């Protein structure tokens, strides 16, 4: 049977194999680029992204059977919340390959979807002028991914990929509508903010195309009234209706979540304007202050001043990135117990603004210089990232030797020195390393996320009011915030040591005040593991003969 020339398999094959003049936006080019971006993960067993060990610890709790010691300490309650992408993905992978493999594969798949969705979007909207694609990819390894916001990365990657698919399927409105109606709830269930990007991008692009369809110079006072009077607004509204009505799936999903999910225990919104300002500088913070600052300045310069050397935007290309940037500015920083909600959007906005700048009308030498300059800088950053992954893997192995001295099923009270910018540009990424005790030793640890209505881990063992879940594990050195933050000595002073079996200090150094209940069983530099030995009251009564 002969396939119809406009059937979607044939269209997809042509889409994957060809790209007008830009090999890195062809199907093989996108595939190769995504593989190169994911290459650093081949050097590690536990992805060295801050929150990933915490996600893996939670997956171990979810997978714990009735005979596991973890059942004594935690329960798992699936709830209908817009933050469960990693939980579902790790459960599906972990059921066949184990929790460690689930954590690794979930992170790699989310990263690949994020990078691939970025390139697919550029291909869909800017196939001839996407010379800024390498610059856009700088923002894959940025604050959200390096922090390990796996749900957000997964949802954003899905949103970017499906946005490109929606554009590709516009001449098949029924298939497009079916795709969006199915995918929107999935993206929102992965993460609310990342999932809502799909509707925002589709709406921004649709309205941008209507603006592009207006006569040149429509905004001038001399032409504005004429355009208002003569433009076929009914046809424009019909086009918008066809493109936008499937977005009702987003509205329905959010309403179902509001009515069916349990209310969060901490329902508050907070705007942190100083944080928004800082992350304009810090979103590409990684290993080298000089390299990261130079990359940030170069990216912002290309966004702000690229038009001087020939970079252009249509409204349909500009509005998606501009509206994501506006959302970053407008939304709260903390929403219902979830932090850093706004600054996760900044890299996505920069990614879109860089990748969708049209260089097809610039001089060819300038367009090539933009593309190849971005490729060289991206390659340098990926090499630095890969080298850092190898260093983090070695450090993680050294720290996890402590668990060889922990009995299975024990209760481990962990304190980790949270790195701060005042002391080091490079983040140690050990913040949630203690969660791996739940994988390797089926141990209780005070490192889990346990906000009701947002997370699904429910602690059963609660040794103390402020020592049950994240962020009770964080302590700071004297060099952070002028020494005003909680130190390891302050934490140990109030810690319920008598109710746990071990105290694990990760890069905190030796406490100044020795505790007679703590017996050192392992040490590597500034990290130590203490076994808890209860104090006994001497018995002065003579034994019977």
Protein backbone atom coordinates (compact mmCIF):
# COMPACT_ATOMS: atom_id res chain seq x y z
CA UNK A 1 0.00 0.00 0.00
CA UNK A 2 1.38 3.40 -0.97
CA UNK A 3 1.70 5.87 1.89
CA UNK A 4 -0.02 9.19 1.46
CA UNK A 5 2.68 11.82 0.84
CA UNK A 6 1.33 14.03 3.60
CA UNK A 7 0.92 11.31 6.22
CA UNK A 8 2.65 12.10 9.47
CA UNK A 9 5.25 9.24 9.36
CA UNK A 10 6.48 10.54 6.00
CA UNK A 11 6.56 14.11 7.30
CA UNK A 12 8.45 13.08 10.38
CA UNK A 13 11.03 11.23 8.30
CA UNK A 14 11.60 14.28 6.12
CA UNK A 15 11.73 16.51 9.21
CA UNK A 16 14.36 14.28 10.86
CA UNK A 17 16.62 13.89 7.87
CA UNK A 18 16.85 17.39 6.48
CA UNK A 19 17.50 20.90 7.70
CA UNK A 20 17.79 23.95 5.39
CA UNK A 21 21.50 24.68 5.42
CA UNK A 22 22.16 24.09 9.14
CA UNK A 23 23.49 20.57 9.76
CA UNK A 24 23.25 20.86 13.56
CA UNK A 25 19.47 21.22 13.20
CA UNK A 26 19.05 18.09 11.08
CA UNK A 27 17.83 14.88 12.72
CA UNK A 28 21.34 13.35 12.92
CA UNK A 29 22.77 16.67 14.06
CA UNK A 30 20.25 17.02 16.90
CA UNK A 31 20.81 13.39 17.93
CA UNK A 32 24.59 13.76 17.98
CA UNK A 33 24.41 17.03 19.91
CA UNK A 34 22.10 15.57 22.55
CA UNK A 35 24.43 12.58 22.98
CA UNK A 36 27.41 14.92 23.45
CA UNK A 37 25.50 16.97 26.03
CA UNK A 38 24.71 13.79 27.97
CA UNK A 39 28.24 12.41 27.72
CA UNK A 40 29.42 13.68 31.17
CA UNK A 41 26.90 11.36 32.83
CA UNK A 42 28.85 8.38 31.51
CA UNK A 43 31.55 9.20 34.08
CA UNK A 44 29.34 8.84 37.16
CA UNK A 45 27.07 6.36 38.90
CA UNK A 46 25.19 8.96 40.94
CA UNK A 47 24.60 12.14 38.88
CA UNK A 48 26.40 14.94 40.80
CA UNK A 49 23.46 17.33 40.75
CA UNK A 50 22.50 18.71 44.15
CA UNK A 51 19.01 17.24 44.58
CA UNK A 52 19.45 13.97 42.67
CA UNK A 53 20.59 11.89 45.71
CA UNK A 54 17.46 13.13 47.48
CA UNK A 55 15.28 11.99 44.58
CA UNK A 56 17.02 8.61 44.66
CA UNK A 57 16.54 8.29 48.42
CA UNK A 58 12.84 9.00 48.00
CA UNK A 59 12.67 6.36 45.23
CA UNK A 60 14.25 3.83 47.60
CA UNK A 61 11.57 4.58 50.20
CA UNK A 62 8.81 4.17 47.60
CA UNK A 63 10.29 0.85 46.42
CA UNK A 64 10.83 -0.53 49.94
CA UNK A 65 9.05 -3.82 50.47
CA UNK A 66 7.27 -4.99 53.63
CA UNK A 67 10.47 -6.58 54.94
CA UNK A 68 12.61 -3.49 54.45
CA UNK A 69 13.76 -1.55 57.54
CA UNK A 70 12.66 1.59 55.71
CA UNK A 71 9.05 0.58 56.34
CA UNK A 72 9.60 1.27 60.05
CA UNK A 73 10.76 4.79 59.40
CA UNK A 74 8.77 6.06 56.40
CA UNK A 75 5.58 5.59 54.48
CA UNK A 76 4.84 6.66 50.93
CA UNK A 77 1.57 8.30 49.97
CA UNK A 78 0.85 8.91 46.31
CA UNK A 79 -1.06 12.17 45.96
CA UNK A 80 -2.47 14.05 42.98
CA UNK A 81 0.02 16.88 42.82
CA UNK A 82 1.75 18.72 40.01
CA UNK A 83 5.22 17.55 41.05
CA UNK A 84 5.47 13.80 40.51
CA UNK A 85 7.38 13.35 37.26
CA UNK A 86 10.52 11.90 38.81
CA UNK A 87 8.55 9.66 41.18
CA UNK A 88 6.67 8.00 38.33
CA UNK A 89 9.70 7.76 36.04
CA UNK A 90 11.96 6.29 38.74
CA UNK A 91 9.28 3.80 39.73
CA UNK A 92 8.92 2.58 36.13
CA UNK A 93 12.67 2.25 35.61
CA UNK A 94 13.49 1.06 39.12
CA UNK A 95 11.02 -1.81 38.97
CA UNK A 96 13.23 -3.43 36.32
CA UNK A 97 16.73 -2.10 36.95
CA UNK A 98 16.91 -0.91 40.58
CA UNK A 99 16.96 2.48 42.24
CA UNK A 100 20.53 3.44 41.31
CA UNK A 101 19.88 2.81 37.62
CA UNK A 102 16.54 4.61 37.91
CA UNK A 103 18.21 7.72 39.29
CA UNK A 104 20.86 7.72 36.56
CA UNK A 105 18.53 7.03 33.66
CA UNK A 106 15.87 9.47 34.86
CA UNK A 107 18.44 12.26 35.00
CA UNK A 108 19.93 11.42 31.59
CA UNK A 109 16.51 11.13 29.92
CA UNK A 110 15.35 14.44 31.41
CA UNK A 111 18.57 16.16 30.28
CA UNK A 112 18.27 14.68 26.79
CA UNK A 113 14.65 15.80 26.53
CA UNK A 114 15.61 19.29 27.73
CA UNK A 115 18.43 19.68 25.20
CA UNK A 116 16.54 17.93 22.41
CA UNK A 117 13.43 20.01 23.03
CA UNK A 118 15.52 23.17 22.82
CA UNK A 119 16.96 22.15 19.43
CA UNK A 120 13.60 20.92 18.12
CA UNK A 121 12.02 24.27 18.99
CA UNK A 122 14.79 26.14 17.20
CA UNK A 123 14.37 23.82 14.20
CA UNK A 124 10.60 24.39 14.13
CA UNK A 125 10.69 28.19 14.40
CA UNK A 126 14.10 29.19 13.08
CA UNK A 127 15.39 26.47 10.77
CA UNK A 128 17.35 28.80 8.48
CA UNK A 129 18.57 31.25 11.08
CA UNK A 130 19.29 29.06 14.11
CA UNK A 131 22.98 29.89 14.27
CA UNK A 132 22.51 30.70 17.96
CA UNK A 133 21.64 27.10 18.85
CA UNK A 134 25.02 26.44 20.53
CA UNK A 135 24.51 29.54 22.67
CA UNK A 136 21.07 28.31 23.67
CA UNK A 137 22.54 24.97 24.74
CA UNK A 138 24.80 26.78 27.25
CA UNK A 139 21.68 26.95 29.42
CA UNK A 140 21.16 23.20 29.61
CA UNK A 141 23.78 22.89 32.37
CA UNK A 142 22.48 25.91 34.25
CA UNK A 143 20.93 26.51 37.67
CA UNK A 144 17.84 24.25 37.36
CA UNK A 145 19.73 21.19 36.09
CA UNK A 146 22.84 21.63 38.24
CA UNK A 147 20.58 21.98 41.28
CA UNK A 148 18.85 18.76 40.29
CA UNK A 149 15.31 20.09 39.84
CA UNK A 150 14.45 16.89 38.01
CA UNK A 151 10.68 17.38 37.88
CA UNK A 152 11.07 20.84 36.36
CA UNK A 153 13.68 19.72 33.81
CA UNK A 154 11.51 16.78 32.79
CA UNK A 155 8.39 18.95 32.40
CA UNK A 156 10.24 21.71 30.57
CA UNK A 157 11.89 19.28 28.18
CA UNK A 158 8.50 17.72 27.48
CA UNK A 159 6.96 21.18 26.94
CA UNK A 160 9.69 22.29 24.51
CA UNK A 161 9.51 19.04 22.56
CA UNK A 162 5.73 19.07 22.31
CA UNK A 163 5.76 22.76 21.36
CA UNK A 164 7.91 21.86 18.35
CA UNK A 165 5.61 18.92 17.58
CA UNK A 166 2.54 21.18 17.76
CA UNK A 167 4.06 23.53 15.18
CA UNK A 168 4.98 20.60 12.96
CA UNK A 169 1.39 19.25 13.09
CA UNK A 170 -0.45 22.50 12.39
CA UNK A 171 -1.68 21.29 9.01
CA UNK A 172 -3.24 18.30 10.80
CA UNK A 173 -5.37 20.06 13.43
CA UNK A 174 -7.07 16.93 14.76
CA UNK A 175 -3.80 15.11 15.41
CA UNK A 176 -2.33 18.28 16.89
CA UNK A 177 -5.29 18.77 19.22
CA UNK A 178 -5.22 15.11 20.31
CA UNK A 179 -1.48 15.35 21.03
CA UNK A 180 -1.84 18.51 23.11
CA UNK A 181 -4.86 17.27 25.05
CA UNK A 182 -2.93 14.14 26.07
CA UNK A 183 0.46 15.75 26.69
CA UNK A 184 -0.54 18.84 28.70
CA UNK A 185 -1.76 16.92 31.76
CA UNK A 186 1.37 14.75 31.63
CA UNK A 187 3.67 17.79 31.54
CA UNK A 188 1.76 19.46 34.38
CA UNK A 189 1.89 16.33 36.52
CA UNK A 190 5.66 16.33 36.05
CA UNK A 191 5.88 19.90 37.34
CA UNK A 192 3.37 22.75 37.40
CA UNK A 193 5.64 25.58 36.22
CA UNK A 194 7.49 23.51 33.63
CA UNK A 195 4.22 22.05 32.35
CA UNK A 196 2.52 25.43 32.00
CA UNK A 197 5.33 26.49 29.67
CA UNK A 198 3.74 24.43 26.90
CA UNK A 199 0.58 26.54 26.87
CA UNK A 200 2.55 29.76 27.27
CA UNK A 201 4.83 28.97 24.31
CA UNK A 202 1.97 27.93 22.04
CA UNK A 203 -0.04 31.04 22.91
CA UNK A 204 2.95 33.39 22.53
CA UNK A 205 3.85 31.96 19.15
CA UNK A 206 0.25 32.09 17.89
CA UNK A 207 -0.22 35.74 18.88
CA UNK A 208 3.22 36.57 17.51
CA UNK A 209 2.28 35.22 14.09
CA UNK A 210 -0.83 37.37 14.04
CA UNK A 211 1.31 40.41 14.74
CA UNK A 212 3.72 39.34 11.98
CA UNK A 213 0.75 39.15 9.59
CA UNK A 214 -0.03 42.85 10.08
CA UNK A 215 1.24 45.31 7.44
CA UNK A 216 4.77 46.62 7.88
CA UNK A 217 4.87 49.69 10.10
CA UNK A 218 1.42 48.96 11.57
CA UNK A 219 2.50 50.46 14.87
CA UNK A 220 3.12 53.93 13.40
CA UNK A 221 0.39 56.47 14.31
CA UNK A 222 -0.10 57.25 10.63
CA UNK A 223 -1.02 53.63 9.83
CA UNK A 224 -2.42 52.30 13.08
CA UNK A 225 -6.01 53.45 12.59
CA UNK A 226 -6.09 52.17 9.03
CA UNK A 227 -4.84 48.76 10.12
CA UNK A 228 -7.41 48.60 12.92
CA UNK A 229 -10.17 49.40 10.45
CA UNK A 230 -9.14 47.22 7.51
CA UNK A 231 -7.54 44.12 9.03
CA UNK A 232 -9.59 40.91 8.93
CA UNK A 233 -9.85 40.42 12.68
CA UNK A 234 -12.49 37.69 12.38
CA UNK A 235 -10.12 35.52 10.37
CA UNK A 236 -7.38 36.20 12.91
CA UNK A 237 -9.67 35.15 15.75
CA UNK A 238 -10.62 31.97 13.91
CA UNK A 239 -6.96 31.09 13.42
CA UNK A 240 -6.23 31.74 17.09
CA UNK A 241 -9.21 29.67 18.16
CA UNK A 242 -8.05 26.69 16.12
CA UNK A 243 -4.55 26.91 17.61
CA UNK A 244 -5.47 27.70 21.21
CA UNK A 245 -8.62 25.76 22.11
CA UNK A 246 -6.66 22.57 23.02
CA UNK A 247 -5.00 24.59 25.80
CA UNK A 248 -8.20 24.13 27.80
CA UNK A 249 -6.57 20.86 28.90
CA UNK A 250 -4.14 22.91 30.99
CA UNK A 251 -6.98 24.83 32.65
CA UNK A 252 -8.92 21.65 33.40
CA UNK A 253 -5.85 19.89 34.85
CA UNK A 254 -5.11 22.83 37.17
CA UNK A 255 -8.73 22.99 38.33
CA UNK A 256 -8.75 19.25 39.06
CA UNK A 257 -5.54 19.66 41.04
CA UNK A 258 -6.99 22.55 43.05
CA UNK A 259 -10.14 20.61 43.94
CA UNK A 260 -8.80 17.06 44.32
CA UNK A 261 -5.36 17.41 45.87
CA UNK A 262 -4.84 17.91 49.60
CA UNK A 263 -4.09 21.52 50.58
CA UNK A 264 -0.40 22.28 51.15
CA UNK A 265 0.69 22.68 54.74
CA UNK A 266 2.53 25.91 53.92
CA UNK A 267 0.40 27.95 51.56
CA UNK A 268 2.32 31.15 51.01
CA UNK A 269 3.81 33.14 48.18
CA UNK A 270 6.93 35.22 48.57
CA UNK A 271 8.74 37.44 46.09
CA UNK A 272 12.51 37.61 46.60
CA UNK A 273 13.57 40.47 44.36
CA UNK A 274 17.20 40.34 45.44
CA UNK A 275 17.27 36.66 44.48
CA UNK A 276 15.90 37.45 41.02
CA UNK A 277 18.67 40.00 40.54
CA UNK A 278 21.41 37.68 41.77
CA UNK A 279 20.41 34.84 39.49
CA UNK A 280 20.79 37.02 36.44
CA UNK A 281 24.48 36.55 37.27
CA UNK A 282 24.46 33.14 38.93
CA UNK A 283 22.33 31.01 36.63
CA UNK A 284 25.41 29.68 34.77
CA UNK A 285 27.47 29.29 37.95
CA UNK A 286 29.41 26.05 37.76
CA UNK A 287 33.16 25.46 38.22
CA UNK A 288 35.07 28.57 37.12
CA UNK A 289 34.01 32.11 37.99
CA UNK A 290 35.98 33.52 35.04
CA UNK A 291 34.51 31.10 32.49
CA UNK A 292 30.98 31.39 33.86
CA UNK A 293 31.09 35.20 34.00
CA UNK A 294 32.50 35.42 30.47
CA UNK A 295 29.79 33.06 29.17
CA UNK A 296 27.04 35.00 30.93
CA UNK A 297 28.25 38.35 29.59
CA UNK A 298 28.61 36.96 26.06
CA UNK A 299 25.09 35.46 26.10
CA UNK A 300 23.46 38.63 27.41
CA UNK A 301 25.41 40.72 24.90
CA UNK A 302 24.19 38.52 22.05
CA UNK A 303 20.58 38.85 23.23
CA UNK A 304 20.72 42.60 23.80
CA UNK A 305 23.00 43.73 20.96
CA UNK A 306 22.80 40.97 18.36
CA UNK A 307 20.60 43.19 16.20
CA UNK A 308 23.58 45.48 15.61
CA UNK A 309 25.39 42.71 13.69
CA UNK A 310 22.35 41.39 11.87
CA UNK A 311 20.36 39.27 14.31
CA UNK A 312 16.60 39.68 13.95
CA UNK A 313 13.40 38.38 15.51
CA UNK A 314 9.93 38.00 14.15
CA UNK A 315 7.27 38.47 16.78
CA UNK A 316 6.48 34.75 16.59
CA UNK A 317 10.12 34.06 17.49
CA UNK A 318 10.52 36.80 20.06
CA UNK A 319 7.35 36.48 22.12
CA UNK A 320 7.94 32.92 23.48
CA UNK A 321 11.25 33.89 25.13
CA UNK A 322 10.03 37.36 26.10
CA UNK A 323 6.93 36.03 27.88
CA UNK A 324 8.94 33.40 29.75
CA UNK A 325 11.25 36.22 30.87
CA UNK A 326 8.20 38.25 31.95
CA UNK A 327 6.94 35.23 33.91
CA UNK A 328 10.34 34.96 35.63
CA UNK A 329 10.00 38.58 36.75
CA UNK A 330 6.35 38.41 37.76
CA UNK A 331 5.80 35.14 39.64
CA UNK A 332 6.70 34.57 43.30
CA UNK A 333 9.99 33.01 44.26
CA UNK A 334 8.38 30.65 46.80
CA UNK A 335 5.01 29.01 46.15
CA UNK A 336 3.35 26.60 48.61
CA UNK A 337 6.57 25.33 50.12
CA UNK A 338 8.47 25.10 46.82
CA UNK A 339 11.50 27.39 46.54
CA UNK A 340 13.36 28.93 43.59
CA UNK A 341 10.25 28.68 41.42
CA UNK A 342 10.95 31.86 39.47
CA UNK A 343 14.68 31.54 38.81
CA UNK A 344 14.18 28.18 37.12
CA UNK A 345 12.54 30.06 34.25
CA UNK A 346 15.43 32.42 33.53
CA UNK A 347 17.56 29.83 31.66
CA UNK A 348 14.55 28.82 29.54
CA UNK A 349 13.94 32.45 28.56
CA UNK A 350 17.60 32.95 27.61
CA UNK A 351 17.61 29.64 25.75
CA UNK A 352 14.66 30.73 23.61
CA UNK A 353 15.88 34.27 23.01
CA UNK A 354 19.30 33.03 21.88
CA UNK A 355 18.11 30.09 19.80
CA UNK A 356 15.26 31.92 18.06
CA UNK A 357 17.27 34.96 16.98
CA UNK A 358 17.17 34.81 13.19
CA UNK A 359 20.64 35.16 11.66
CA UNK A 360 19.58 34.19 8.13
CA UNK A 361 19.56 37.84 6.99
CA UNK A 362 22.92 38.69 8.58
CA UNK A 363 26.10 38.55 6.54
CA UNK A 364 27.16 34.90 6.14
CA UNK A 365 30.52 35.50 7.78
CA UNK A 366 28.86 36.99 10.84
CA UNK A 367 26.29 34.19 11.07
CA UNK A 368 29.06 31.58 10.83
CA UNK A 369 31.12 33.43 13.44
CA UNK A 370 28.14 33.37 15.83
CA UNK A 371 27.59 29.65 15.24
CA UNK A 372 31.20 28.50 15.44
CA UNK A 373 32.03 30.82 18.34
CA UNK A 374 29.12 29.32 20.25
CA UNK A 375 30.23 25.80 19.38
CA UNK A 376 33.74 26.38 20.69
CA UNK A 377 32.50 27.92 23.93
CA UNK A 378 29.93 25.16 24.38
CA UNK A 379 32.60 22.50 23.77
CA UNK A 380 34.85 24.15 26.37
CA UNK A 381 32.04 24.21 28.93
CA UNK A 382 31.16 20.57 28.27
CA UNK A 383 34.79 19.54 28.80
CA UNK A 384 34.86 21.46 32.10
CA UNK A 385 31.54 19.87 33.09
CA UNK A 386 32.81 16.37 32.26
CA UNK A 387 35.99 16.93 34.28
CA UNK A 388 33.95 18.21 37.21
CA UNK A 389 31.67 15.16 37.03
CA UNK A 390 34.72 12.91 37.36
CA UNK A 391 35.89 14.92 40.39
CA UNK A 392 32.44 14.81 42.01
CA UNK A 393 32.23 11.06 41.42
CA UNK A 394 35.55 10.57 43.20
CA UNK A 395 34.45 12.79 46.09
CA UNK A 396 31.11 10.98 46.40
CA UNK A 397 32.90 7.62 46.57
CA UNK A 398 35.15 8.88 49.36
CA UNK A 399 32.23 10.25 51.36
CA UNK A 400 30.13 7.10 50.93
CA UNK A 401 32.83 4.91 52.46
CA UNK A 402 31.28 6.02 55.76
CA UNK A 403 28.26 3.87 55.01
CA UNK A 404 30.40 0.73 55.13
CA UNK A 405 30.52 1.29 58.89
CA UNK A 406 26.75 1.70 59.27
CA UNK A 407 24.59 -1.28 60.22
CA UNK A 408 21.66 -1.96 57.91
CA UNK A 409 18.40 -0.45 59.08
CA UNK A 410 20.06 2.07 61.40
CA UNK A 411 19.02 5.63 62.20
CA UNK A 412 21.53 8.13 60.86
CA UNK A 413 21.40 11.80 61.84
CA UNK A 414 23.34 13.65 59.15
CA UNK A 415 24.75 17.17 59.02
CA UNK A 416 26.37 18.49 55.86
CA UNK A 417 28.14 21.79 55.44
CA UNK A 418 26.13 23.70 52.89
CA UNK A 419 28.51 25.52 50.55
CA UNK A 420 28.06 29.26 50.15
CA UNK A 421 29.20 31.77 47.57
CA UNK A 422 31.27 33.72 50.08
CA UNK A 423 33.66 30.79 50.42
CA UNK A 424 33.65 29.09 47.03
CA UNK A 425 32.24 29.66 43.56
CA UNK A 426 32.26 25.89 43.03
CA UNK A 427 29.43 24.08 44.79
CA UNK A 428 30.36 20.84 46.56
CA UNK A 429 26.95 19.29 45.67
CA UNK A 430 26.97 17.15 48.80
CA UNK A 431 23.81 18.78 50.16
CA UNK A 432 21.64 15.65 49.88
CA UNK A 433 24.34 12.99 49.75
CA UNK A 434 23.09 11.57 53.06
CA UNK A 435 19.90 10.37 51.31
CA UNK A 436 21.94 7.61 49.71
CA UNK A 437 22.04 5.92 53.13
CA UNK A 438 18.45 4.88 52.41
CA UNK A 439 19.63 3.08 49.28
CA UNK A 440 22.85 1.47 50.44
CA UNK A 441 21.94 0.70 54.07
CA UNK A 442 18.10 0.98 54.17
CA UNK A 443 18.69 3.53 56.90
CA UNK A 444 16.58 6.36 58.26
CA UNK A 445 18.14 9.76 57.58
CA UNK A 446 16.90 13.29 58.28
CA UNK A 447 17.42 14.43 54.69
CA UNK A 448 14.12 13.75 52.92
CA UNK A 449 11.65 16.25 51.51
CA UNK A 450 8.41 15.81 53.40
CA UNK A 451 6.10 18.78 52.77
CA UNK A 452 2.48 17.52 52.88
CA UNK A 453 0.64 18.14 49.62
CA UNK A 454 3.91 18.56 47.73
CA UNK A 455 5.98 15.46 48.54
CA UNK A 456 4.95 11.86 49.06
CA UNK A 457 7.43 10.75 51.73
CA UNK A 458 5.77 10.67 55.15
CA UNK A 459 8.20 10.21 58.08
CA UNK A 460 7.06 7.76 60.73
CA UNK A 461 10.12 8.09 62.92
CA UNK A 462 10.42 11.65 64.22
CA UNK A 463 13.32 11.98 66.66
CA UNK A 464 12.79 15.68 67.18
CA UNK A 465 10.62 18.52 65.98
CA UNK A 466 13.31 20.12 63.84
CA UNK A 467 15.34 17.02 62.99
CA UNK A 468 12.99 14.94 60.88
CA UNK A 469 13.33 16.17 57.29
CA UNK A 470 15.04 18.66 54.97
CA UNK A 471 16.57 21.20 55.69
CA UNK A 472 17.50 19.87 59.15
CA UNK A 473 20.73 18.46 57.67
CA UNK A 474 22.19 21.84 56.70
CA UNK A 475 24.91 23.59 58.69
CA UNK A 476 27.19 26.43 57.63
CA UNK A 477 30.78 27.43 58.28
CA UNK A 478 31.80 30.62 60.02
CA UNK A 479 32.68 32.12 56.65
CA UNK A 480 29.05 32.13 55.49
CA UNK A 481 26.87 35.17 56.27
CA UNK A 482 29.33 36.40 58.87
CA UNK A 483 28.92 33.31 61.03
CA UNK A 484 25.27 34.06 61.82
CA UNK A 485 23.94 30.79 60.39
CA UNK A 486 23.65 27.46 62.21
CA UNK A 487 26.99 25.79 62.79
CA UNK A 488 27.61 22.10 63.40
CA UNK A 489 28.16 22.80 67.12
CA UNK A 490 24.80 24.56 67.39
CA UNK A 491 23.10 21.71 65.55
CA UNK A 492 24.63 19.04 67.77
CA UNK A 493 23.76 21.00 70.89
CA UNK A 494 20.03 20.56 70.23
CA UNK A 495 20.12 17.33 68.23
CA UNK A 496 18.25 14.25 69.56
CA UNK A 497 21.44 12.20 69.57
CA UNK A 498 20.11 9.69 72.09
CA UNK A 499 17.39 8.62 69.64
CA UNK A 500 19.66 7.73 66.70
CA UNK A 501 22.39 5.16 66.06
CA UNK A 502 24.90 7.25 64.12
CA UNK A 503 25.80 10.88 63.53
CA UNK A 504 27.28 11.51 60.08
CA UNK A 505 29.15 14.79 59.60
CA UNK A 506 29.85 15.56 55.94
CA UNK A 507 32.61 18.14 55.41
CA UNK A 508 31.81 19.96 58.65
CA UNK A 509 35.12 19.47 60.43
CA UNK A 510 35.46 18.25 64.01
CA UNK A 511 32.96 19.84 66.41
CA UNK A 512 34.49 22.15 68.99
CA UNK A 513 32.53 20.61 71.85
CA UNK A 514 33.11 16.83 72.18
CA UNK A 515 30.07 14.80 73.12
CA UNK A 516 30.79 11.72 75.31
CA UNK A 517 27.99 9.84 73.57
CA UNK A 518 29.75 10.00 70.19
CA UNK A 519 32.43 7.47 69.33
CA UNK A 520 34.41 8.10 66.14
CA UNK A 521 34.28 5.08 63.80
CA UNK A 522 35.38 6.63 60.50
CA UNK A 523 37.04 9.81 59.27
CA UNK A 524 38.22 11.17 55.95
CA UNK A 525 39.45 14.74 56.17
CA UNK A 526 36.64 16.98 57.41
CA UNK A 527 34.01 14.22 57.23
CA UNK A 528 33.33 11.87 60.15
CA UNK A 529 30.98 9.14 61.25
CA UNK A 530 30.19 8.68 64.93
CA UNK A 531 28.42 5.76 66.55
CA UNK A 532 26.12 6.75 69.39
CA UNK A 533 26.92 5.04 72.68
CA UNK A 534 24.34 5.75 75.40
CA UNK A 535 25.67 6.96 78.72
CA UNK A 536 25.03 4.54 81.60
CA UNK A 537 24.56 5.26 85.29
CA UNK A 538 27.08 3.31 87.41
CA UNK A 539 25.57 0.64 89.66
CA UNK A 540 27.30 0.75 93.08
CA UNK A 541 25.31 -2.11 94.55
CA UNK A 542 27.47 -5.22 95.18
CA UNK A 543 26.60 -8.28 93.18
CA UNK A 544 25.14 -11.18 95.10
CA UNK A 545 27.50 -14.10 95.74
